[in-house]
């Protein structure tokens, strides 16, 4: 069983930055791929970024260059650095752990989810 706890969300002005944290329980964190998704009311959960267990990264095109995903296996933590934030980035951000195969872009391929952290970007 893996438990994920996000933090670091908040209110920021457009153009600003936030760094999200996702702390994981469990002794095998280094073997999981990790992803960040986001969701706004009435919409499906949207892929943001992922990092494999060996550190390869993947991003949605609209976030490439603005967002950076990283991980620290010694701390069982994955990070999402978000720069040049826009009002349309406003959402609840979720981290997720993927223990098996399948596309990184598909939320149903992730096995464990955190509760989410709210990010609000004002114009």
N, C-alpha and C. Protein backbone atom coordinates (compact mmCIF):
# COMPACT_ATOMS: atom_id res chain seq x y z
N UNK A 1 0.84 -1.19 0.00
CA UNK A 1 0.00 0.00 0.00
C UNK A 1 0.88 1.24 0.00
N UNK A 2 0.51 2.20 -0.80
CA UNK A 2 1.24 3.46 -0.90
C UNK A 2 0.29 4.59 -0.54
N UNK A 3 0.75 5.47 0.29
CA UNK A 3 -0.01 6.68 0.61
C UNK A 3 0.75 7.88 0.09
N UNK A 4 0.01 8.80 -0.52
CA UNK A 4 0.60 9.99 -1.12
C UNK A 4 -0.02 11.23 -0.50
N UNK A 5 0.81 12.19 -0.17
CA UNK A 5 0.32 13.43 0.45
C UNK A 5 0.93 14.61 -0.28
N UNK A 6 0.06 15.38 -0.93
CA UNK A 6 0.51 16.57 -1.65
C UNK A 6 0.52 17.79 -0.74
N UNK A 7 1.38 18.74 -1.06
CA UNK A 7 1.40 20.03 -0.39
C UNK A 7 2.04 21.05 -1.32
N UNK A 8 1.96 22.30 -0.92
CA UNK A 8 2.61 23.35 -1.68
C UNK A 8 1.69 24.19 -2.54
N UNK A 9 0.42 23.80 -2.61
CA UNK A 9 -0.53 24.60 -3.38
C UNK A 9 -0.83 25.92 -2.70
N UNK A 10 -1.55 26.78 -3.40
CA UNK A 10 -1.91 28.06 -2.83
C UNK A 10 -2.36 29.03 -3.90
N UNK A 11 -2.39 30.30 -3.50
CA UNK A 11 -2.81 31.38 -4.39
C UNK A 11 -1.58 32.15 -4.85
N UNK A 12 -1.49 32.35 -6.15
CA UNK A 12 -0.34 33.07 -6.71
C UNK A 12 -0.83 33.93 -7.87
N UNK A 13 -0.14 35.02 -8.10
CA UNK A 13 -0.50 35.89 -9.23
C UNK A 13 0.05 35.30 -10.53
N UNK A 14 -0.60 35.65 -11.61
CA UNK A 14 -0.13 35.22 -12.93
C UNK A 14 1.33 35.64 -13.12
N UNK A 15 2.09 34.72 -13.67
CA UNK A 15 3.52 34.94 -13.85
C UNK A 15 4.38 34.44 -12.70
N UNK A 16 3.72 34.10 -11.62
CA UNK A 16 4.44 33.63 -10.44
C UNK A 16 4.78 32.15 -10.50
N UNK A 17 5.32 31.65 -9.39
CA UNK A 17 5.78 30.27 -9.32
C UNK A 17 5.26 29.59 -8.06
N UNK A 18 5.12 28.30 -8.15
CA UNK A 18 4.82 27.46 -7.00
C UNK A 18 5.58 26.15 -7.15
N UNK A 19 5.88 25.54 -6.02
CA UNK A 19 6.49 24.22 -6.04
C UNK A 19 5.61 23.27 -5.25
N UNK A 20 5.14 22.25 -5.91
CA UNK A 20 4.31 21.24 -5.27
C UNK A 20 5.18 20.08 -4.81
N UNK A 21 4.75 19.51 -3.69
CA UNK A 21 5.45 18.38 -3.11
C UNK A 21 4.47 17.20 -2.99
N UNK A 22 5.01 16.01 -3.16
CA UNK A 22 4.22 14.81 -2.95
C UNK A 22 5.08 13.82 -2.17
N UNK A 23 4.73 13.62 -0.92
CA UNK A 23 5.47 12.70 -0.07
C UNK A 23 4.79 11.34 -0.08
N UNK A 24 5.58 10.31 -0.28
CA UNK A 24 5.05 8.95 -0.40
C UNK A 24 5.49 8.09 0.77
N UNK A 25 4.59 7.23 1.19
CA UNK A 25 4.95 6.22 2.18
C UNK A 25 5.37 4.96 1.43
N UNK A 26 5.91 4.01 2.16
CA UNK A 26 6.28 2.76 1.51
C UNK A 26 7.77 2.68 1.24
N UNK A 27 8.27 1.46 1.22
CA UNK A 27 9.71 1.26 1.11
C UNK A 27 10.18 1.09 -0.32
N UNK A 28 9.25 1.07 -1.27
CA UNK A 28 9.66 0.82 -2.65
C UNK A 28 9.38 2.00 -3.56
N UNK A 29 9.41 3.19 -3.00
CA UNK A 29 9.13 4.40 -3.78
C UNK A 29 10.02 4.47 -5.01
N UNK A 30 11.27 4.10 -4.89
CA UNK A 30 12.21 4.24 -6.00
C UNK A 30 11.85 3.36 -7.19
N UNK A 31 10.97 2.40 -7.01
CA UNK A 31 10.58 1.52 -8.11
C UNK A 31 9.31 1.98 -8.82
N UNK A 32 8.68 3.04 -8.33
CA UNK A 32 7.44 3.53 -8.93
C UNK A 32 7.72 4.65 -9.92
N UNK A 33 6.91 4.70 -10.94
CA UNK A 33 6.83 5.92 -11.73
C UNK A 33 5.80 6.83 -11.07
N UNK A 34 6.03 8.12 -11.17
CA UNK A 34 5.15 9.09 -10.51
C UNK A 34 4.62 10.09 -11.52
N UNK A 35 3.40 10.51 -11.28
CA UNK A 35 2.81 11.48 -12.19
C UNK A 35 2.09 12.57 -11.45
N UNK A 36 1.90 13.68 -12.13
CA UNK A 36 1.04 14.77 -11.66
C UNK A 36 -0.09 14.96 -12.66
N UNK A 37 -1.27 15.08 -12.13
CA UNK A 37 -2.47 15.38 -12.91
C UNK A 37 -3.13 16.59 -12.29
N UNK A 38 -4.06 17.18 -13.04
CA UNK A 38 -4.84 18.28 -12.48
C UNK A 38 -6.27 18.18 -12.96
N UNK A 39 -7.15 18.79 -12.18
CA UNK A 39 -8.57 18.69 -12.50
C UNK A 39 -9.28 19.97 -12.09
N UNK A 40 -10.17 20.41 -12.96
CA UNK A 40 -11.04 21.54 -12.65
C UNK A 40 -12.48 21.02 -12.65
N UNK A 41 -13.37 21.72 -11.97
CA UNK A 41 -14.76 21.25 -11.86
C UNK A 41 -15.39 20.99 -13.22
N UNK A 42 -16.03 19.84 -13.33
CA UNK A 42 -16.73 19.49 -14.55
C UNK A 42 -15.87 18.95 -15.66
N UNK A 43 -14.58 18.83 -15.41
CA UNK A 43 -13.67 18.33 -16.44
C UNK A 43 -12.97 17.07 -15.96
N UNK A 44 -12.48 16.30 -16.92
CA UNK A 44 -11.74 15.10 -16.58
C UNK A 44 -10.34 15.46 -16.06
N UNK A 45 -9.79 14.52 -15.33
CA UNK A 45 -8.44 14.72 -14.82
C UNK A 45 -7.47 14.77 -16.00
N UNK A 46 -6.58 15.75 -15.96
CA UNK A 46 -5.68 16.04 -17.08
C UNK A 46 -4.24 15.72 -16.69
N UNK A 47 -3.54 15.02 -17.56
CA UNK A 47 -2.13 14.72 -17.34
C UNK A 47 -1.30 16.00 -17.38
N UNK A 48 -0.37 16.11 -16.43
CA UNK A 48 0.54 17.26 -16.39
C UNK A 48 1.97 16.82 -16.70
N UNK A 49 2.47 15.88 -15.92
CA UNK A 49 3.86 15.44 -16.08
C UNK A 49 4.04 14.10 -15.39
N UNK A 50 5.10 13.40 -15.79
CA UNK A 50 5.42 12.13 -15.15
C UNK A 50 6.92 11.95 -15.13
N UNK A 51 7.36 11.14 -14.20
CA UNK A 51 8.78 10.79 -14.11
C UNK A 51 8.87 9.31 -13.82
N UNK A 52 9.67 8.63 -14.61
CA UNK A 52 9.80 7.19 -14.43
C UNK A 52 10.70 6.88 -13.23
N UNK A 53 10.77 5.60 -12.92
CA UNK A 53 11.57 5.21 -11.76
C UNK A 53 13.07 5.44 -12.02
N UNK A 54 13.45 5.54 -13.30
CA UNK A 54 14.85 5.82 -13.61
C UNK A 54 15.08 7.30 -13.92
N UNK A 55 14.02 8.11 -13.80
CA UNK A 55 14.20 9.55 -13.92
C UNK A 55 13.86 10.16 -15.27
N UNK A 56 13.36 9.37 -16.19
CA UNK A 56 12.92 9.95 -17.47
C UNK A 56 11.65 10.75 -17.24
N UNK A 57 11.54 11.88 -17.93
CA UNK A 57 10.40 12.77 -17.70
C UNK A 57 9.55 12.93 -18.96
N UNK A 58 8.31 13.27 -18.71
CA UNK A 58 7.32 13.43 -19.78
C UNK A 58 6.39 14.56 -19.38
N UNK A 59 6.03 15.41 -20.35
CA UNK A 59 5.18 16.56 -20.06
C UNK A 59 4.11 16.72 -21.13
N UNK A 60 3.00 17.33 -20.71
CA UNK A 60 2.03 17.80 -21.68
C UNK A 60 2.66 18.99 -22.39
N UNK A 61 2.43 19.10 -23.69
CA UNK A 61 3.09 20.14 -24.49
C UNK A 61 2.87 21.54 -23.92
N UNK A 62 1.67 21.81 -23.46
CA UNK A 62 1.36 23.17 -23.00
C UNK A 62 2.13 23.55 -21.74
N UNK A 63 2.68 22.56 -21.06
CA UNK A 63 3.40 22.82 -19.81
C UNK A 63 4.90 22.65 -19.95
N UNK A 64 5.32 22.09 -21.06
CA UNK A 64 6.74 21.90 -21.27
C UNK A 64 7.44 23.24 -21.28
N UNK A 65 8.52 23.36 -20.54
CA UNK A 65 9.25 24.61 -20.45
C UNK A 65 8.81 25.48 -19.29
N UNK A 66 7.62 25.24 -18.78
CA UNK A 66 7.15 26.01 -17.62
C UNK A 66 7.17 25.16 -16.36
N UNK A 67 6.86 23.87 -16.50
CA UNK A 67 6.79 22.97 -15.36
C UNK A 67 7.97 21.99 -15.40
N UNK A 68 8.45 21.64 -14.23
CA UNK A 68 9.53 20.65 -14.13
C UNK A 68 9.19 19.64 -13.04
N UNK A 69 9.20 18.38 -13.40
CA UNK A 69 8.98 17.31 -12.43
C UNK A 69 10.33 16.72 -12.04
N UNK A 70 10.47 16.40 -10.78
CA UNK A 70 11.70 15.78 -10.29
C UNK A 70 11.35 14.89 -9.11
N UNK A 71 12.31 14.08 -8.71
CA UNK A 71 12.07 13.20 -7.58
C UNK A 71 13.34 13.05 -6.75
N UNK A 72 13.13 12.79 -5.47
CA UNK A 72 14.22 12.50 -4.55
C UNK A 72 13.87 11.17 -3.89
N UNK A 73 14.48 10.11 -4.36
CA UNK A 73 14.13 8.79 -3.83
C UNK A 73 14.53 8.63 -2.37
N UNK A 74 15.58 9.30 -1.94
CA UNK A 74 15.99 9.21 -0.55
C UNK A 74 14.93 9.81 0.39
N UNK A 75 14.18 10.77 -0.13
CA UNK A 75 13.12 11.40 0.67
C UNK A 75 11.74 10.91 0.28
N UNK A 76 11.67 9.98 -0.65
CA UNK A 76 10.38 9.46 -1.14
C UNK A 76 9.44 10.60 -1.52
N UNK A 77 9.96 11.53 -2.25
CA UNK A 77 9.21 12.73 -2.59
C UNK A 77 9.35 13.04 -4.08
N UNK A 78 8.26 13.46 -4.66
CA UNK A 78 8.27 13.96 -6.04
C UNK A 78 7.82 15.42 -6.01
N UNK A 79 8.41 16.21 -6.89
CA UNK A 79 8.18 17.64 -6.91
C UNK A 79 7.62 18.06 -8.27
N UNK A 80 6.87 19.15 -8.25
CA UNK A 80 6.46 19.78 -9.49
C UNK A 80 6.73 21.28 -9.34
N UNK A 81 7.76 21.75 -10.02
CA UNK A 81 8.08 23.17 -10.03
C UNK A 81 7.29 23.81 -11.16
N UNK A 82 6.48 24.81 -10.81
CA UNK A 82 5.62 25.46 -11.80
C UNK A 82 6.00 26.93 -11.88
N UNK A 83 6.44 27.35 -13.05
CA UNK A 83 6.84 28.73 -13.30
C UNK A 83 5.92 29.36 -14.34
N UNK A 84 5.96 30.68 -14.41
CA UNK A 84 5.17 31.42 -15.41
C UNK A 84 3.71 30.96 -15.38
N UNK A 85 3.16 30.90 -14.19
CA UNK A 85 1.81 30.38 -14.04
C UNK A 85 0.78 31.30 -14.70
N UNK A 86 -0.26 30.67 -15.21
CA UNK A 86 -1.34 31.37 -15.90
C UNK A 86 -2.65 31.08 -15.18
N UNK A 87 -3.64 31.94 -15.32
CA UNK A 87 -4.94 31.67 -14.69
C UNK A 87 -5.52 30.31 -15.09
N UNK A 88 -5.27 29.88 -16.31
CA UNK A 88 -5.79 28.58 -16.76
C UNK A 88 -5.08 27.39 -16.11
N UNK A 89 -4.03 27.65 -15.35
CA UNK A 89 -3.39 26.58 -14.58
C UNK A 89 -4.12 26.31 -13.27
N UNK A 90 -5.10 27.14 -12.96
CA UNK A 90 -5.89 26.95 -11.74
C UNK A 90 -6.59 25.60 -11.77
N UNK A 91 -6.36 24.80 -10.73
CA UNK A 91 -6.92 23.44 -10.67
C UNK A 91 -6.52 22.81 -9.34
N UNK A 92 -7.11 21.67 -9.07
CA UNK A 92 -6.60 20.80 -8.01
C UNK A 92 -5.56 19.89 -8.65
N UNK A 93 -4.39 19.85 -8.06
CA UNK A 93 -3.29 19.05 -8.58
C UNK A 93 -3.14 17.79 -7.73
N UNK A 94 -3.05 16.66 -8.43
CA UNK A 94 -2.93 15.36 -7.77
C UNK A 94 -1.62 14.69 -8.17
N UNK A 95 -0.98 14.05 -7.21
CA UNK A 95 0.11 13.17 -7.60
C UNK A 95 -0.38 11.73 -7.54
N UNK A 96 0.28 10.90 -8.32
CA UNK A 96 -0.14 9.52 -8.45
C UNK A 96 1.07 8.63 -8.66
N UNK A 97 0.95 7.39 -8.21
CA UNK A 97 2.01 6.40 -8.35
C UNK A 97 1.58 5.31 -9.32
N UNK A 98 2.49 4.95 -10.18
CA UNK A 98 2.21 3.94 -11.22
C UNK A 98 3.18 2.79 -11.02
N UNK A 99 2.65 1.62 -10.72
CA UNK A 99 3.51 0.48 -10.43
C UNK A 99 3.63 -0.47 -11.61
N UNK A 100 2.78 -0.32 -12.61
CA UNK A 100 2.80 -1.26 -13.73
C UNK A 100 3.04 -0.55 -15.05
N UNK A 101 2.60 -1.18 -16.11
CA UNK A 101 2.81 -0.64 -17.44
C UNK A 101 1.67 0.25 -17.89
N UNK A 102 1.64 0.52 -19.17
CA UNK A 102 0.60 1.37 -19.73
C UNK A 102 1.06 2.80 -19.87
N UNK A 103 0.25 3.55 -20.59
CA UNK A 103 0.60 4.93 -20.89
C UNK A 103 0.68 5.79 -19.64
N UNK A 104 1.67 6.67 -19.62
CA UNK A 104 1.78 7.63 -18.52
C UNK A 104 0.67 8.67 -18.58
N UNK A 105 0.11 8.88 -19.76
CA UNK A 105 -0.89 9.93 -19.94
C UNK A 105 -2.26 9.54 -19.38
N UNK A 106 -2.48 8.27 -19.14
CA UNK A 106 -3.81 7.76 -18.78
C UNK A 106 -3.94 7.58 -17.29
N UNK A 107 -4.88 8.29 -16.69
CA UNK A 107 -5.01 8.27 -15.23
C UNK A 107 -5.35 6.88 -14.70
N UNK A 108 -6.05 6.08 -15.47
CA UNK A 108 -6.45 4.76 -14.98
C UNK A 108 -5.27 3.80 -14.86
N UNK A 109 -4.12 4.15 -15.41
CA UNK A 109 -2.93 3.31 -15.28
C UNK A 109 -2.16 3.58 -13.99
N UNK A 110 -2.63 4.54 -13.21
CA UNK A 110 -1.98 4.84 -11.93
C UNK A 110 -2.74 4.14 -10.82
N UNK A 111 -1.97 3.61 -9.87
CA UNK A 111 -2.55 2.74 -8.85
C UNK A 111 -2.90 3.46 -7.56
N UNK A 112 -2.17 4.51 -7.25
CA UNK A 112 -2.37 5.21 -5.98
C UNK A 112 -2.44 6.71 -6.25
N UNK A 113 -3.29 7.38 -5.47
CA UNK A 113 -3.53 8.81 -5.65
C UNK A 113 -3.50 9.54 -4.32
N UNK A 114 -3.03 10.76 -4.37
CA UNK A 114 -3.15 11.63 -3.22
C UNK A 114 -4.49 12.33 -3.21
N UNK A 115 -4.70 13.15 -2.19
CA UNK A 115 -5.97 13.85 -2.03
C UNK A 115 -6.04 15.14 -2.85
N UNK A 116 -4.91 15.61 -3.31
CA UNK A 116 -4.91 16.81 -4.14
C UNK A 116 -4.56 18.06 -3.36
N UNK A 117 -4.04 19.04 -4.08
CA UNK A 117 -3.74 20.34 -3.49
C UNK A 117 -4.20 21.41 -4.47
N UNK A 118 -4.87 22.42 -3.94
CA UNK A 118 -5.46 23.46 -4.79
C UNK A 118 -4.41 24.48 -5.21
N UNK A 119 -4.38 24.77 -6.49
CA UNK A 119 -3.55 25.84 -7.03
C UNK A 119 -4.48 26.85 -7.68
N UNK A 120 -4.38 28.10 -7.26
CA UNK A 120 -5.20 29.16 -7.82
C UNK A 120 -4.29 30.27 -8.32
N UNK A 121 -4.44 30.61 -9.59
CA UNK A 121 -3.63 31.65 -10.21
C UNK A 121 -4.54 32.81 -10.57
N UNK A 122 -4.28 33.95 -9.97
CA UNK A 122 -5.11 35.13 -10.22
C UNK A 122 -4.53 35.95 -11.36
N UNK A 123 -5.43 36.63 -12.06
CA UNK A 123 -4.99 37.44 -13.20
C UNK A 123 -4.68 38.87 -12.79
